[in-house]
Protein backbone atom coordinates (compact mmCIF):
# COMPACT_ATOMS: atom_id res chain seq x y z
CA MET A 1 -29.39 68.15 -47.18
CA GLY A 2 -27.78 65.46 -49.24
CA ASN A 3 -26.93 63.58 -46.15
CA ALA A 4 -29.96 64.24 -44.05
CA PRO A 5 -32.20 61.18 -43.26
CA THR A 6 -35.69 61.07 -44.89
CA LEU A 7 -38.64 60.90 -42.64
CA ALA A 8 -39.28 57.55 -44.05
CA ALA A 9 -35.86 56.35 -43.15
CA LEU A 10 -36.41 57.58 -39.50
CA LEU A 11 -39.95 56.07 -39.15
CA LEU A 12 -39.21 52.62 -40.78
CA PRO A 13 -37.50 50.97 -37.75
CA ALA A 14 -40.35 52.08 -35.48
CA LEU A 15 -42.82 50.71 -38.09
CA MET A 16 -41.11 47.44 -38.44
CA THR A 17 -41.03 46.85 -34.75
CA SER A 18 -44.69 47.72 -34.43
CA ALA A 19 -45.59 45.38 -37.30
CA ALA A 20 -43.49 42.62 -35.73
CA LEU A 21 -45.22 43.07 -32.31
CA ALA A 22 -48.63 42.32 -34.15
CA THR A 23 -48.67 38.79 -34.67
CA PRO A 24 -51.76 37.37 -36.37
CA ALA A 25 -52.42 35.26 -33.30
CA SER A 26 -52.99 38.52 -31.11
CA ARG A 27 -55.82 39.64 -33.44
CA PRO A 28 -59.28 38.52 -32.58
CA PRO A 29 -61.07 35.91 -34.93
CA ASP A 30 -63.20 37.48 -37.72
CA THR A 31 -66.22 36.21 -35.89
CA TYR A 32 -65.40 38.40 -32.85
CA THR A 33 -68.14 41.18 -32.67
CA ALA A 34 -67.51 42.83 -29.35
CA VAL A 35 -66.24 46.43 -29.15
CA ILE A 36 -63.17 45.87 -26.92
CA TYR A 37 -60.68 43.06 -27.36
CA THR A 38 -57.79 42.27 -24.84
CA THR A 39 -54.75 40.30 -26.15
CA PRO A 40 -53.11 37.72 -23.87
CA GLN A 41 -50.37 40.39 -23.17
CA GLY A 42 -52.96 42.73 -21.74
CA CYS A 43 -53.21 45.13 -24.61
CA SER A 44 -56.82 46.43 -24.97
CA TYR A 45 -58.05 47.59 -28.29
CA SER A 46 -61.19 49.39 -29.69
CA ARG A 47 -62.86 48.03 -32.65
CA ALA A 48 -63.71 50.40 -35.66
CA GLN A 49 -65.39 49.45 -38.85
CA ALA A 50 -66.70 51.30 -41.72
CA PRO A 51 -69.65 49.78 -43.86
CA GLY A 52 -68.00 47.40 -46.32
CA TYR A 53 -64.65 47.20 -44.78
CA PRO A 54 -63.09 44.71 -42.37
CA PRO A 55 -62.75 45.90 -38.83
CA THR A 56 -59.65 47.57 -37.36
CA TRP A 57 -58.49 47.48 -33.84
CA HIS A 58 -56.91 50.58 -32.24
CA LEU A 59 -54.92 50.54 -28.97
CA ILE A 60 -56.77 51.96 -25.97
CA LEU A 61 -54.41 54.49 -24.19
CA ASN A 62 -54.61 54.35 -20.32
CA PRO A 63 -56.87 51.29 -20.18
CA GLN A 64 -56.76 51.20 -16.33
CA ARG A 65 -58.85 54.41 -16.28
CA VAL A 66 -61.88 52.61 -17.74
CA GLY A 67 -61.36 49.40 -15.83
CA LEU A 68 -59.30 47.37 -18.33
CA PRO A 69 -55.90 45.68 -17.59
CA VAL A 70 -52.53 47.23 -17.64
CA PRO A 71 -50.44 45.95 -20.47
CA THR A 72 -47.45 43.66 -19.53
CA GLY A 73 -45.29 44.83 -22.38
CA ARG A 74 -45.20 46.91 -25.61
CA CYS A 75 -48.50 47.02 -27.62
CA PRO A 76 -48.83 47.65 -31.30
CA VAL A 77 -50.82 50.77 -32.09
CA MET A 78 -53.11 48.74 -34.27
CA LEU A 79 -53.97 45.12 -34.98
């Protein structure tokens, strides 16, 4: 077990890649109030917001099933 990689070591590259894909420019502005946001790359997100907290944006899986565009590349899971 001394040489076995930890879960964090296995997940870190994936998390870094996801974070690198989510650039600040891909987030909607703070004044954006709609429930669905689509990035210029075609990634569609749904808004979630708890009272007193800023909104979070969660990737919509299979967006074409609800009439949204199909992404042209890889999309971060959250913005």
